[in-house]
Amino acid sequence: MRHILMHAGLVASGLIIIACSESSSPAPTALHPSFAVGGHGPSVFVVDVSRDTTAQNETPIAANPLNSSNLLTGANDWNFNDGCAVNASFDGGKTWTPTLPNGFVPGVTRFTNDPSVPGTGFFDAGGDPAVAFGPDGTAYFACQAFNFTSPFQINLLLSRSTDGGRTWLAGGAAQPLAVIASWNGNGKTKGSNGQFTDHEALWIDRSPASPFFGSI
């Protein structure tokens, strides 16, 4: 579950100094990561997917089985919509659909990234994204939605896209998201037996020989 507090990790490196009474040893050569140039290995590149100034975290990724260049990722979105961000790529990850202004799953929160335009969801915030593609290339996005006030309702919602992640169900009464689970916390911060839907996972059976082929 997304948290208000953000933790920073500190990486400490050790330095060993060897003193010598008569002569000093030369300083060790610093080691840096390196990537092979040329050859037959896969190309490596780093891309700023969100192209944004706010934080995105808890990022899953999925590839379309019908088009390996079509990738999908999500994130906890700390922009004004305060829900689940979504980005899609159609060139193997080199470029992605933008986070702003509309790179979020509709129908989760009551906000958009424009304070003057209400969202089509019913919740204060959303998070814990999970993404997957079905065997027919349909994309699915699971997002946890919750309220900060009593009775502290929390829903696990599922949206879908038939164009590789460019557009999603609109939410609201017109195109509601599927409700996988619902729970009123009544002040509880955690539960059991399926009460509290936290850190969900998403998997779709894509084996044609399976009796559960296509099941989510």
N, C-alpha and C. Protein backbone atom coordinates (compact mmCIF):
# COMPACT_ATOMS: atom_id res chain seq x y z
N MET A 1 0.85 -1.19 0.00
CA MET A 1 0.00 0.00 0.00
C MET A 1 0.88 1.23 0.00
N ARG A 2 0.44 2.28 -0.71
CA ARG A 2 1.23 3.48 -0.75
C ARG A 2 1.24 4.12 0.63
N HIS A 3 2.33 4.77 1.00
CA HIS A 3 2.48 5.37 2.31
C HIS A 3 2.82 6.84 2.15
N ILE A 4 2.40 7.64 3.13
CA ILE A 4 2.73 9.06 3.10
C ILE A 4 4.20 9.29 3.39
N LEU A 5 4.73 8.47 4.32
CA LEU A 5 6.14 8.62 4.66
C LEU A 5 6.99 7.96 3.60
N MET A 6 8.03 8.60 3.18
CA MET A 6 8.95 8.04 2.20
C MET A 6 10.28 7.80 2.88
N HIS A 7 10.80 6.64 2.69
CA HIS A 7 12.05 6.26 3.34
C HIS A 7 13.20 6.34 2.33
N ALA A 8 14.30 6.88 2.78
CA ALA A 8 15.49 6.98 1.92
C ALA A 8 16.55 6.05 2.47
N GLY A 9 17.14 5.29 1.59
CA GLY A 9 18.22 4.38 2.00
C GLY A 9 19.56 5.04 1.79
N LEU A 10 20.45 4.80 2.70
CA LEU A 10 21.80 5.35 2.60
C LEU A 10 22.76 4.22 2.29
N VAL A 11 23.58 4.42 1.28
CA VAL A 11 24.57 3.42 0.91
C VAL A 11 25.93 3.90 1.37
N ALA A 12 26.55 3.11 2.21
CA ALA A 12 27.85 3.49 2.76
C ALA A 12 28.94 2.68 2.09
N SER A 13 29.99 3.33 1.75
CA SER A 13 31.13 2.62 1.17
C SER A 13 32.30 2.70 2.13
N GLY A 14 33.05 1.61 2.23
CA GLY A 14 34.16 1.56 3.16
C GLY A 14 35.46 1.94 2.48
N LEU A 15 36.32 2.61 3.20
CA LEU A 15 37.61 2.99 2.68
C LEU A 15 38.68 2.46 3.62
N ILE A 16 39.55 1.66 3.10
CA ILE A 16 40.62 1.08 3.90
C ILE A 16 41.91 1.80 3.55
N ILE A 17 42.53 2.37 4.56
CA ILE A 17 43.79 3.09 4.35
C ILE A 17 44.92 2.28 4.97
N ILE A 18 45.90 1.97 4.18
CA ILE A 18 47.04 1.21 4.65
C ILE A 18 48.23 2.15 4.77
N ALA A 19 48.76 2.27 5.96
CA ALA A 19 49.90 3.16 6.18
C ALA A 19 51.19 2.36 6.04
N CYS A 20 52.16 2.96 5.41
CA CYS A 20 53.46 2.31 5.23
C CYS A 20 54.54 3.29 5.71
N SER A 21 55.48 2.79 6.46
CA SER A 21 56.47 3.68 7.07
C SER A 21 57.46 4.25 6.06
N GLU A 22 57.76 3.52 5.00
CA GLU A 22 58.79 3.96 4.08
C GLU A 22 58.22 4.45 2.75
N SER A 23 57.24 3.75 2.20
CA SER A 23 56.68 4.15 0.90
C SER A 23 55.18 3.94 0.91
N SER A 24 54.45 4.67 0.10
CA SER A 24 52.99 4.55 0.02
C SER A 24 52.60 3.87 -1.27
N SER A 25 51.55 3.07 -1.21
CA SER A 25 51.06 2.38 -2.40
C SER A 25 50.22 3.33 -3.23
N PRO A 26 50.18 3.13 -4.55
CA PRO A 26 49.35 4.00 -5.39
C PRO A 26 47.87 3.80 -5.07
N ALA A 27 47.09 4.86 -5.26
CA ALA A 27 45.65 4.80 -4.97
C ALA A 27 44.99 3.78 -5.90
N PRO A 28 44.05 2.99 -5.36
CA PRO A 28 43.38 2.00 -6.21
C PRO A 28 42.53 2.67 -7.28
N THR A 29 42.40 2.01 -8.39
CA THR A 29 41.59 2.53 -9.49
C THR A 29 40.11 2.33 -9.18
N ALA A 30 39.31 3.39 -9.32
CA ALA A 30 37.87 3.29 -9.04
C ALA A 30 37.20 2.39 -10.07
N LEU A 31 36.27 1.60 -9.59
CA LEU A 31 35.53 0.69 -10.47
C LEU A 31 34.21 1.32 -10.87
N HIS A 32 33.87 1.24 -12.13
CA HIS A 32 32.63 1.81 -12.65
C HIS A 32 31.88 0.73 -13.44
N PRO A 33 30.53 0.82 -13.43
CA PRO A 33 29.79 -0.14 -14.25
C PRO A 33 30.07 0.08 -15.72
N SER A 34 30.10 -0.98 -16.47
CA SER A 34 30.38 -0.87 -17.90
C SER A 34 29.42 -1.75 -18.68
N PHE A 35 29.14 -1.36 -19.90
CA PHE A 35 28.27 -2.11 -20.79
C PHE A 35 29.04 -2.46 -22.06
N ALA A 36 28.84 -3.65 -22.52
CA ALA A 36 29.52 -4.08 -23.74
C ALA A 36 29.00 -3.30 -24.94
N VAL A 37 29.90 -2.93 -25.81
CA VAL A 37 29.54 -2.21 -27.02
C VAL A 37 29.60 -3.18 -28.19
N GLY A 38 28.52 -3.21 -28.96
CA GLY A 38 28.49 -4.13 -30.08
C GLY A 38 28.17 -5.53 -29.62
N GLY A 39 28.66 -6.53 -30.35
CA GLY A 39 28.39 -7.91 -29.95
C GLY A 39 26.98 -8.31 -30.31
N HIS A 40 26.53 -9.41 -29.70
CA HIS A 40 25.22 -9.95 -30.04
C HIS A 40 24.23 -9.87 -28.88
N GLY A 41 24.60 -9.19 -27.79
CA GLY A 41 23.71 -9.07 -26.65
C GLY A 41 22.63 -8.03 -26.90
N PRO A 42 21.64 -7.97 -26.01
CA PRO A 42 20.57 -6.98 -26.17
C PRO A 42 21.08 -5.58 -25.91
N SER A 43 20.49 -4.60 -26.57
CA SER A 43 20.86 -3.21 -26.33
C SER A 43 20.31 -2.77 -24.99
N VAL A 44 21.04 -1.90 -24.32
CA VAL A 44 20.65 -1.40 -23.00
C VAL A 44 20.46 0.10 -23.10
N PHE A 45 19.32 0.58 -22.62
CA PHE A 45 19.08 2.01 -22.61
C PHE A 45 18.23 2.35 -21.39
N VAL A 46 18.37 3.58 -20.94
CA VAL A 46 17.63 4.08 -19.78
C VAL A 46 16.67 5.17 -20.26
N VAL A 47 15.41 5.05 -19.85
CA VAL A 47 14.37 5.96 -20.33
C VAL A 47 13.63 6.57 -19.14
N ASP A 48 13.38 7.85 -19.20
CA ASP A 48 12.53 8.51 -18.21
C ASP A 48 11.08 8.28 -18.63
N VAL A 49 10.45 7.28 -18.07
CA VAL A 49 9.11 6.89 -18.50
C VAL A 49 8.09 7.95 -18.16
N SER A 50 8.09 8.43 -16.92
CA SER A 50 7.02 9.34 -16.48
C SER A 50 7.20 10.76 -16.99
N ARG A 51 8.48 11.17 -17.20
CA ARG A 51 8.77 12.56 -17.60
C ARG A 51 8.00 13.53 -16.71
N ASP A 52 8.20 13.38 -15.41
CA ASP A 52 7.37 14.04 -14.42
C ASP A 52 8.26 14.51 -13.28
N THR A 53 7.75 15.44 -12.45
CA THR A 53 8.52 15.94 -11.32
C THR A 53 8.07 15.35 -10.00
N THR A 54 6.98 14.61 -9.98
CA THR A 54 6.54 13.96 -8.75
C THR A 54 7.02 12.52 -8.72
N ALA A 55 6.81 11.87 -7.59
CA ALA A 55 7.31 10.50 -7.43
C ALA A 55 6.36 9.49 -8.05
N GLN A 56 6.91 8.46 -8.63
CA GLN A 56 6.16 7.27 -9.03
C GLN A 56 6.88 6.07 -8.45
N ASN A 57 6.14 5.18 -7.79
CA ASN A 57 6.79 4.03 -7.18
C ASN A 57 5.88 2.80 -7.29
N GLU A 58 6.43 1.65 -6.92
CA GLU A 58 5.74 0.36 -7.03
C GLU A 58 5.34 0.11 -8.49
N THR A 59 6.34 0.02 -9.35
CA THR A 59 6.11 -0.02 -10.80
C THR A 59 6.17 -1.45 -11.34
N PRO A 60 5.04 -2.01 -11.79
CA PRO A 60 5.05 -3.31 -12.46
C PRO A 60 5.31 -3.11 -13.95
N ILE A 61 5.48 -4.21 -14.69
CA ILE A 61 5.63 -4.12 -16.14
C ILE A 61 5.10 -5.40 -16.78
N ALA A 62 4.53 -5.27 -17.96
CA ALA A 62 4.00 -6.42 -18.70
C ALA A 62 4.22 -6.19 -20.19
N ALA A 63 4.33 -7.29 -20.93
CA ALA A 63 4.53 -7.25 -22.39
C ALA A 63 3.36 -7.93 -23.08
N ASN A 64 2.92 -7.35 -24.18
CA ASN A 64 1.81 -7.90 -24.96
C ASN A 64 2.27 -9.17 -25.68
N PRO A 65 1.61 -10.31 -25.46
CA PRO A 65 2.05 -11.54 -26.13
C PRO A 65 1.87 -11.52 -27.63
N LEU A 66 1.04 -10.61 -28.14
CA LEU A 66 0.84 -10.50 -29.58
C LEU A 66 1.73 -9.46 -30.22
N ASN A 67 2.38 -8.64 -29.41
CA ASN A 67 3.24 -7.59 -29.93
C ASN A 67 4.28 -7.27 -28.87
N SER A 68 5.46 -7.83 -29.00
CA SER A 68 6.49 -7.68 -27.97
C SER A 68 6.98 -6.24 -27.82
N SER A 69 6.66 -5.37 -28.77
CA SER A 69 7.05 -3.96 -28.67
C SER A 69 6.08 -3.17 -27.81
N ASN A 70 4.94 -3.77 -27.49
CA ASN A 70 3.91 -3.11 -26.68
C ASN A 70 4.11 -3.48 -25.21
N LEU A 71 4.59 -2.51 -24.44
CA LEU A 71 4.84 -2.70 -23.02
C LEU A 71 3.90 -1.83 -22.20
N LEU A 72 3.68 -2.23 -20.96
CA LEU A 72 2.76 -1.51 -20.08
C LEU A 72 3.36 -1.44 -18.68
N THR A 73 3.26 -0.28 -18.06
CA THR A 73 3.69 -0.14 -16.67
C THR A 73 2.70 0.74 -15.93
N GLY A 74 2.77 0.69 -14.62
CA GLY A 74 1.91 1.52 -13.77
C GLY A 74 2.71 2.02 -12.59
N ALA A 75 2.07 2.84 -11.76
CA ALA A 75 2.77 3.39 -10.59
C ALA A 75 1.77 4.01 -9.64
N ASN A 76 2.18 4.14 -8.38
CA ASN A 76 1.48 5.04 -7.48
C ASN A 76 1.73 6.45 -7.98
N ASP A 77 0.66 7.17 -8.28
CA ASP A 77 0.80 8.49 -8.89
C ASP A 77 0.58 9.57 -7.84
N TRP A 78 1.59 10.42 -7.65
CA TRP A 78 1.52 11.47 -6.64
C TRP A 78 1.13 12.81 -7.26
N ASN A 79 0.62 12.78 -8.47
CA ASN A 79 0.05 13.99 -9.04
C ASN A 79 -1.33 14.24 -8.43
N PHE A 80 -2.05 15.25 -8.93
CA PHE A 80 -3.28 15.68 -8.27
C PHE A 80 -4.35 14.58 -8.27
N ASN A 81 -4.35 13.70 -9.27
CA ASN A 81 -5.37 12.65 -9.29
C ASN A 81 -5.18 11.65 -8.16
N ASP A 82 -3.97 11.51 -7.65
CA ASP A 82 -3.65 10.70 -6.47
C ASP A 82 -4.11 9.24 -6.63
N GLY A 83 -3.97 8.72 -7.82
CA GLY A 83 -4.41 7.34 -8.07
C GLY A 83 -3.32 6.47 -8.64
N CYS A 84 -3.65 5.73 -9.70
CA CYS A 84 -2.69 4.84 -10.35
C CYS A 84 -2.29 5.41 -11.70
N ALA A 85 -1.00 5.70 -11.85
CA ALA A 85 -0.49 6.17 -13.13
C ALA A 85 -0.35 4.99 -14.08
N VAL A 86 -0.42 5.27 -15.38
CA VAL A 86 -0.25 4.22 -16.39
C VAL A 86 0.52 4.80 -17.57
N ASN A 87 1.48 4.03 -18.08
CA ASN A 87 2.25 4.42 -19.26
C ASN A 87 2.38 3.21 -20.18
N ALA A 88 2.25 3.44 -21.46
CA ALA A 88 2.36 2.37 -22.45
C ALA A 88 3.42 2.72 -23.48
N SER A 89 4.10 1.69 -23.98
CA SER A 89 5.11 1.87 -25.02
C SER A 89 4.75 0.97 -26.20
N PHE A 90 5.04 1.45 -27.40
CA PHE A 90 4.75 0.68 -28.61
C PHE A 90 6.00 0.51 -29.47
N ASP A 91 7.15 0.82 -28.87
CA ASP A 91 8.42 0.65 -29.58
C ASP A 91 9.46 -0.04 -28.70
N GLY A 92 9.00 -0.97 -27.88
CA GLY A 92 9.92 -1.73 -27.06
C GLY A 92 10.49 -0.99 -25.88
N GLY A 93 9.85 0.09 -25.46
CA GLY A 93 10.29 0.82 -24.28
C GLY A 93 11.10 2.07 -24.56
N LYS A 94 11.32 2.40 -25.82
CA LYS A 94 12.12 3.59 -26.15
C LYS A 94 11.34 4.86 -25.84
N THR A 95 10.05 4.87 -26.14
CA THR A 95 9.19 6.01 -25.82
C THR A 95 7.93 5.49 -25.15
N TRP A 96 7.30 6.36 -24.34
CA TRP A 96 6.13 5.97 -23.55
C TRP A 96 5.07 7.06 -23.62
N THR A 97 3.81 6.67 -23.46
CA THR A 97 2.75 7.66 -23.34
C THR A 97 3.01 8.48 -22.07
N PRO A 98 2.71 9.77 -22.09
CA PRO A 98 3.10 10.64 -20.97
C PRO A 98 2.22 10.46 -19.73
N THR A 99 2.80 10.74 -18.57
CA THR A 99 2.05 10.73 -17.32
C THR A 99 1.10 11.92 -17.24
N LEU A 100 1.55 13.06 -17.68
CA LEU A 100 0.71 14.26 -17.66
C LEU A 100 0.30 14.67 -19.06
N PRO A 101 -0.98 15.09 -19.24
CA PRO A 101 -1.92 15.36 -18.16
C PRO A 101 -2.84 14.19 -17.79
N ASN A 102 -2.94 13.20 -18.67
CA ASN A 102 -3.99 12.19 -18.47
C ASN A 102 -3.46 10.76 -18.37
N GLY A 103 -2.22 10.61 -17.92
CA GLY A 103 -1.66 9.26 -17.82
C GLY A 103 -1.98 8.58 -16.50
N PHE A 104 -3.27 8.42 -16.23
CA PHE A 104 -3.71 7.72 -15.04
C PHE A 104 -4.95 6.89 -15.38
N VAL A 105 -5.24 5.89 -14.56
CA VAL A 105 -6.40 5.04 -14.80
C VAL A 105 -7.66 5.76 -14.33
N PRO A 106 -8.61 6.03 -15.23
CA PRO A 106 -9.85 6.69 -14.81
C PRO A 106 -10.70 5.76 -13.94
N GLY A 107 -11.61 6.37 -13.20
CA GLY A 107 -12.57 5.59 -12.44
C GLY A 107 -12.08 5.11 -11.09
N VAL A 108 -10.91 5.58 -10.66
CA VAL A 108 -10.36 5.16 -9.37
C VAL A 108 -10.64 6.23 -8.31
N THR A 109 -10.11 7.43 -8.53
CA THR A 109 -10.31 8.51 -7.55
C THR A 109 -11.32 9.53 -8.08
N ARG A 110 -11.71 10.41 -7.19
CA ARG A 110 -12.67 11.46 -7.55
C ARG A 110 -11.98 12.68 -8.16
N PHE A 111 -10.69 12.53 -8.51
CA PHE A 111 -9.92 13.66 -9.02
C PHE A 111 -9.31 13.33 -10.39
N THR A 112 -8.96 14.38 -11.12
CA THR A 112 -8.10 14.28 -12.29
C THR A 112 -6.86 15.12 -11.98
N ASN A 113 -6.00 15.33 -12.97
CA ASN A 113 -4.84 16.20 -12.75
C ASN A 113 -5.17 17.67 -12.96
N ASP A 114 -6.42 17.96 -13.27
CA ASP A 114 -6.92 19.34 -13.37
C ASP A 114 -7.86 19.57 -12.20
N PRO A 115 -7.50 20.43 -11.23
CA PRO A 115 -8.36 20.63 -10.06
C PRO A 115 -9.78 21.07 -10.38
N SER A 116 -9.99 21.64 -11.56
CA SER A 116 -11.32 22.10 -11.93
C SER A 116 -12.16 21.02 -12.61
N VAL A 117 -11.56 19.86 -12.88
CA VAL A 117 -12.28 18.77 -13.55
C VAL A 117 -12.36 17.58 -12.61
N PRO A 118 -13.57 17.17 -12.20
CA PRO A 118 -13.68 16.03 -11.27
C PRO A 118 -13.37 14.71 -11.97
N GLY A 119 -12.93 13.74 -11.19
CA GLY A 119 -12.68 12.41 -11.73
C GLY A 119 -13.95 11.59 -11.76
N THR A 120 -13.85 10.40 -12.33
CA THR A 120 -15.02 9.52 -12.46
C THR A 120 -15.02 8.42 -11.41
N GLY A 121 -14.08 8.46 -10.48
CA GLY A 121 -14.03 7.49 -9.39
C GLY A 121 -14.74 8.00 -8.15
N PHE A 122 -14.70 7.20 -7.11
CA PHE A 122 -15.43 7.52 -5.89
C PHE A 122 -14.53 7.52 -4.64
N PHE A 123 -13.21 7.50 -4.84
CA PHE A 123 -12.30 7.32 -3.72
C PHE A 123 -11.32 8.48 -3.62
N ASP A 124 -10.75 8.61 -2.41
CA ASP A 124 -9.80 9.69 -2.16
C ASP A 124 -8.44 9.43 -2.80
N ALA A 125 -8.03 8.18 -2.90
CA ALA A 125 -6.71 7.86 -3.42
C ALA A 125 -6.70 6.43 -3.94
N GLY A 126 -5.66 6.10 -4.67
CA GLY A 126 -5.49 4.74 -5.20
C GLY A 126 -4.02 4.38 -5.24
N GLY A 127 -3.72 3.11 -5.40
CA GLY A 127 -2.33 2.69 -5.47
C GLY A 127 -2.18 1.20 -5.64
N ASP A 128 -0.97 0.70 -5.40
CA ASP A 128 -0.63 -0.71 -5.54
C ASP A 128 -0.99 -1.24 -6.94
N PRO A 129 -0.39 -0.68 -7.98
CA PRO A 129 -0.75 -1.08 -9.35
C PRO A 129 -0.25 -2.48 -9.70
N ALA A 130 -1.02 -3.17 -10.52
CA ALA A 130 -0.61 -4.46 -11.09
C ALA A 130 -1.11 -4.49 -12.54
N VAL A 131 -0.27 -4.97 -13.47
CA VAL A 131 -0.63 -4.96 -14.89
C VAL A 131 -0.37 -6.33 -15.51
N ALA A 132 -1.15 -6.64 -16.55
CA ALA A 132 -0.97 -7.90 -17.28
C ALA A 132 -1.69 -7.81 -18.61
N PHE A 133 -1.26 -8.66 -19.55
CA PHE A 133 -1.93 -8.78 -20.84
C PHE A 133 -2.58 -10.16 -20.93
N GLY A 134 -3.77 -10.20 -21.52
CA GLY A 134 -4.43 -11.46 -21.80
C GLY A 134 -3.91 -12.07 -23.09
N PRO A 135 -4.28 -13.31 -23.38
CA PRO A 135 -3.79 -13.96 -24.60
C PRO A 135 -4.25 -13.29 -25.89
N ASP A 136 -5.32 -12.50 -25.81
CA ASP A 136 -5.81 -11.80 -27.01
C ASP A 136 -5.25 -10.39 -27.13
N GLY A 137 -4.32 -10.02 -26.25
CA GLY A 137 -3.71 -8.70 -26.30
C GLY A 137 -4.44 -7.65 -25.49
N THR A 138 -5.54 -8.02 -24.83
CA THR A 138 -6.22 -7.07 -23.96
C THR A 138 -5.35 -6.80 -22.72
N ALA A 139 -5.22 -5.53 -22.37
CA ALA A 139 -4.43 -5.14 -21.20
C ALA A 139 -5.35 -4.97 -20.00
N TYR A 140 -4.85 -5.38 -18.84
CA TYR A 140 -5.62 -5.26 -17.60
C TYR A 140 -4.79 -4.51 -16.56
N PHE A 141 -5.47 -3.74 -15.74
CA PHE A 141 -4.81 -2.94 -14.71
C PHE A 141 -5.61 -3.07 -13.42
N ALA A 142 -4.99 -3.59 -12.37
CA ALA A 142 -5.61 -3.66 -11.05
C ALA A 142 -5.08 -2.53 -10.19
N CYS A 143 -5.97 -1.85 -9.49
CA CYS A 143 -5.59 -0.72 -8.64
C CYS A 143 -6.43 -0.74 -7.37
N GLN A 144 -5.77 -0.56 -6.27
CA GLN A 144 -6.44 -0.47 -4.97
C GLN A 144 -6.93 0.96 -4.78
N ALA A 145 -8.21 1.12 -4.38
CA ALA A 145 -8.77 2.45 -4.15
C ALA A 145 -9.29 2.52 -2.72
N PHE A 146 -9.10 3.66 -2.06
CA PHE A 146 -9.49 3.73 -0.66
C PHE A 146 -9.84 5.16 -0.25
N ASN A 147 -10.57 5.26 0.85
CA ASN A 147 -10.96 6.54 1.42
C ASN A 147 -10.27 6.77 2.76
N PHE A 148 -10.02 8.04 3.06
CA PHE A 148 -9.32 8.39 4.29
C PHE A 148 -10.26 8.65 5.47
N THR A 149 -11.58 8.62 5.23
CA THR A 149 -12.54 8.90 6.29
C THR A 149 -13.45 7.70 6.51
N SER A 150 -14.07 7.66 7.67
CA SER A 150 -14.96 6.55 8.05
C SER A 150 -16.09 6.41 7.03
N PRO A 151 -16.42 5.16 6.63
CA PRO A 151 -15.98 3.87 7.21
C PRO A 151 -14.72 3.30 6.57
N PHE A 152 -13.87 4.15 5.97
CA PHE A 152 -12.58 3.75 5.43
C PHE A 152 -12.73 2.63 4.40
N GLN A 153 -13.60 2.85 3.43
CA GLN A 153 -13.84 1.84 2.40
C GLN A 153 -12.60 1.65 1.54
N ILE A 154 -12.34 0.40 1.19
CA ILE A 154 -11.24 0.07 0.29
C ILE A 154 -11.75 -0.95 -0.73
N ASN A 155 -11.54 -0.66 -2.01
CA ASN A 155 -11.95 -1.54 -3.10
C ASN A 155 -10.73 -1.94 -3.92
N LEU A 156 -10.77 -3.14 -4.43
CA LEU A 156 -9.80 -3.58 -5.43
C LEU A 156 -10.49 -3.52 -6.77
N LEU A 157 -9.99 -2.68 -7.67
CA LEU A 157 -10.64 -2.40 -8.94
C LEU A 157 -9.81 -2.93 -10.10
N LEU A 158 -10.52 -3.31 -11.18
CA LEU A 158 -9.86 -3.81 -12.38
C LEU A 158 -10.37 -3.05 -13.59
N SER A 159 -9.43 -2.48 -14.34
CA SER A 159 -9.76 -1.80 -15.60
C SER A 159 -9.15 -2.58 -16.75
N ARG A 160 -9.55 -2.24 -17.97
CA ARG A 160 -9.01 -2.94 -19.14
C ARG A 160 -8.86 -1.97 -20.31
N SER A 161 -7.99 -2.36 -21.21
CA SER A 161 -7.71 -1.57 -22.41
C SER A 161 -7.61 -2.51 -23.60
N THR A 162 -8.21 -2.12 -24.71
CA THR A 162 -8.16 -2.93 -25.93
C THR A 162 -7.26 -2.32 -26.99
N ASP A 163 -6.53 -1.25 -26.63
CA ASP A 163 -5.63 -0.63 -27.60
C ASP A 163 -4.20 -0.54 -27.05
N GLY A 164 -3.81 -1.56 -26.29
CA GLY A 164 -2.44 -1.64 -25.82
C GLY A 164 -2.10 -0.76 -24.64
N GLY A 165 -3.10 -0.13 -24.04
CA GLY A 165 -2.85 0.73 -22.90
C GLY A 165 -2.96 2.21 -23.17
N ARG A 166 -3.36 2.58 -24.39
CA ARG A 166 -3.54 4.01 -24.70
C ARG A 166 -4.74 4.57 -23.97
N THR A 167 -5.86 3.84 -23.98
CA THR A 167 -7.08 4.29 -23.33
C THR A 167 -7.63 3.16 -22.46
N TRP A 168 -8.41 3.55 -21.43
CA TRP A 168 -8.93 2.62 -20.45
C TRP A 168 -10.41 2.88 -20.21
N LEU A 169 -11.07 1.98 -19.50
CA LEU A 169 -12.46 2.22 -19.15
C LEU A 169 -12.60 3.59 -18.53
N ALA A 170 -13.67 4.29 -18.89
CA ALA A 170 -13.83 5.68 -18.45
C ALA A 170 -14.21 5.80 -16.98
N GLY A 171 -14.74 4.72 -16.41
CA GLY A 171 -15.18 4.79 -15.02
C GLY A 171 -16.55 5.42 -14.91
N GLY A 172 -17.01 5.57 -13.67
CA GLY A 172 -18.34 6.13 -13.45
C GLY A 172 -19.43 5.17 -13.89
N ALA A 173 -20.63 5.68 -14.08
CA ALA A 173 -21.77 4.84 -14.47
C ALA A 173 -21.65 4.36 -15.91
N ALA A 174 -20.97 5.13 -16.75
CA ALA A 174 -20.89 4.79 -18.18
C ALA A 174 -20.05 3.54 -18.41
N GLN A 175 -18.86 3.49 -17.84
CA GLN A 175 -17.95 2.36 -18.00
C GLN A 175 -17.31 2.04 -16.66
N PRO A 176 -18.06 1.43 -15.75
CA PRO A 176 -17.51 1.18 -14.41
C PRO A 176 -16.40 0.14 -14.43
N LEU A 177 -15.47 0.32 -13.52
CA LEU A 177 -14.41 -0.67 -13.35
C LEU A 177 -14.98 -1.86 -12.59
N ALA A 178 -14.42 -3.04 -12.83
CA ALA A 178 -14.86 -4.24 -12.11
C ALA A 178 -14.38 -4.16 -10.67
N VAL A 179 -15.28 -4.46 -9.74
CA VAL A 179 -14.94 -4.49 -8.32
C VAL A 179 -14.58 -5.93 -7.95
N ILE A 180 -13.31 -6.16 -7.69
CA ILE A 180 -12.85 -7.50 -7.34
C ILE A 180 -13.15 -7.80 -5.87
N ALA A 181 -12.92 -6.81 -5.02
CA ALA A 181 -13.15 -6.99 -3.58
C ALA A 181 -13.47 -5.64 -2.98
N SER A 182 -14.26 -5.65 -1.90
CA SER A 182 -14.63 -4.42 -1.22
C SER A 182 -14.64 -4.66 0.28
N TRP A 183 -14.20 -3.65 1.04
CA TRP A 183 -14.11 -3.82 2.49
C TRP A 183 -14.21 -2.45 3.14
N ASN A 184 -15.00 -2.36 4.21
CA ASN A 184 -15.06 -1.16 5.03
C ASN A 184 -14.17 -1.37 6.24
N GLY A 185 -13.11 -0.60 6.34
CA GLY A 185 -12.13 -0.84 7.39
C GLY A 185 -12.61 -0.52 8.79
N ASN A 186 -13.56 0.45 8.93
CA ASN A 186 -14.07 0.83 10.24
C ASN A 186 -12.94 1.11 11.23
N GLY A 187 -11.90 1.75 10.74
CA GLY A 187 -10.81 2.14 11.61
C GLY A 187 -9.67 1.15 11.67
N LYS A 188 -9.85 -0.06 11.11
CA LYS A 188 -8.77 -1.03 11.13
C LYS A 188 -7.71 -0.63 10.11
N THR A 189 -6.47 -0.83 10.48
CA THR A 189 -5.38 -0.53 9.56
C THR A 189 -4.93 -1.75 8.79
N LYS A 190 -5.33 -2.90 9.23
CA LYS A 190 -5.00 -4.11 8.50
C LYS A 190 -6.02 -5.18 8.85
N GLY A 191 -6.12 -6.18 8.02
CA GLY A 191 -7.10 -7.23 8.26
C GLY A 191 -6.58 -8.57 7.82
N SER A 192 -7.45 -9.53 7.72
CA SER A 192 -7.07 -10.86 7.29
C SER A 192 -8.25 -11.50 6.58
N ASN A 193 -8.05 -12.70 6.07
CA ASN A 193 -9.11 -13.42 5.37
C ASN A 193 -9.71 -12.60 4.24
N GLY A 194 -8.83 -11.88 3.54
CA GLY A 194 -9.30 -11.12 2.38
C GLY A 194 -9.95 -9.80 2.71
N GLN A 195 -9.92 -9.37 3.97
CA GLN A 195 -10.58 -8.12 4.34
C GLN A 195 -9.87 -6.91 3.75
N PHE A 196 -8.57 -6.93 3.79
CA PHE A 196 -7.80 -5.74 3.41
C PHE A 196 -6.97 -6.07 2.17
N THR A 197 -7.34 -5.49 1.05
CA THR A 197 -6.70 -5.82 -0.23
C THR A 197 -5.45 -4.97 -0.40
N ASP A 198 -4.32 -5.55 -0.04
CA ASP A 198 -3.07 -4.81 -0.07
C ASP A 198 -2.04 -5.56 -0.91
N HIS A 199 -1.31 -4.81 -1.74
CA HIS A 199 -0.25 -5.38 -2.59
C HIS A 199 -0.77 -6.56 -3.41
N GLU A 200 -1.78 -6.28 -4.19
CA GLU A 200 -2.36 -7.31 -5.05
C GLU A 200 -1.39 -7.70 -6.17
N ALA A 201 -1.60 -8.87 -6.71
CA ALA A 201 -0.85 -9.35 -7.87
C ALA A 201 -1.85 -9.73 -8.96
N LEU A 202 -1.40 -9.72 -10.21
CA LEU A 202 -2.28 -9.98 -11.34
C LEU A 202 -1.59 -10.95 -12.29
N TRP A 203 -2.28 -12.03 -12.62
CA TRP A 203 -1.73 -13.02 -13.53
C TRP A 203 -2.85 -13.55 -14.41
N ILE A 204 -2.57 -13.77 -15.68
CA ILE A 204 -3.56 -14.28 -16.62
C ILE A 204 -3.02 -15.55 -17.26
N ASP A 205 -3.82 -16.60 -17.26
CA ASP A 205 -3.41 -17.88 -17.84
C ASP A 205 -3.39 -17.74 -19.36
N ARG A 206 -2.20 -17.87 -19.94
CA ARG A 206 -2.06 -17.74 -21.39
C ARG A 206 -1.64 -19.05 -22.05
N SER A 207 -1.80 -20.15 -21.35
CA SER A 207 -1.47 -21.45 -21.91
C SER A 207 -2.68 -22.05 -22.59
N PRO A 208 -2.64 -22.24 -23.92
CA PRO A 208 -3.79 -22.77 -24.63
C PRO A 208 -4.24 -24.16 -24.13
N ALA A 209 -3.32 -24.93 -23.59
CA ALA A 209 -3.66 -26.28 -23.13
C ALA A 209 -4.31 -26.27 -21.75
N SER A 210 -4.32 -25.12 -21.10
CA SER A 210 -4.86 -25.05 -19.74
C SER A 210 -6.38 -24.96 -19.74
N PRO A 211 -7.05 -25.64 -18.80
CA PRO A 211 -8.50 -25.50 -18.70
C PRO A 211 -8.91 -24.11 -18.21
N PHE A 212 -7.93 -23.32 -17.73
CA PHE A 212 -8.21 -21.98 -17.24
C PHE A 212 -7.67 -20.91 -18.19
N PHE A 213 -7.48 -21.29 -19.44
CA PHE A 213 -6.95 -20.38 -20.46
C PHE A 213 -7.76 -19.08 -20.49
N GLY A 214 -7.07 -17.96 -20.37
CA GLY A 214 -7.72 -16.67 -20.41
C GLY A 214 -8.24 -16.19 -19.07
N SER A 215 -8.15 -17.03 -18.04
CA SER A 215 -8.65 -16.63 -16.72
C SER A 215 -7.69 -15.63 -16.07
N ILE A 216 -8.28 -14.69 -15.32
CA ILE A 216 -7.50 -13.68 -14.62
C ILE A 216 -7.36 -14.10 -13.16
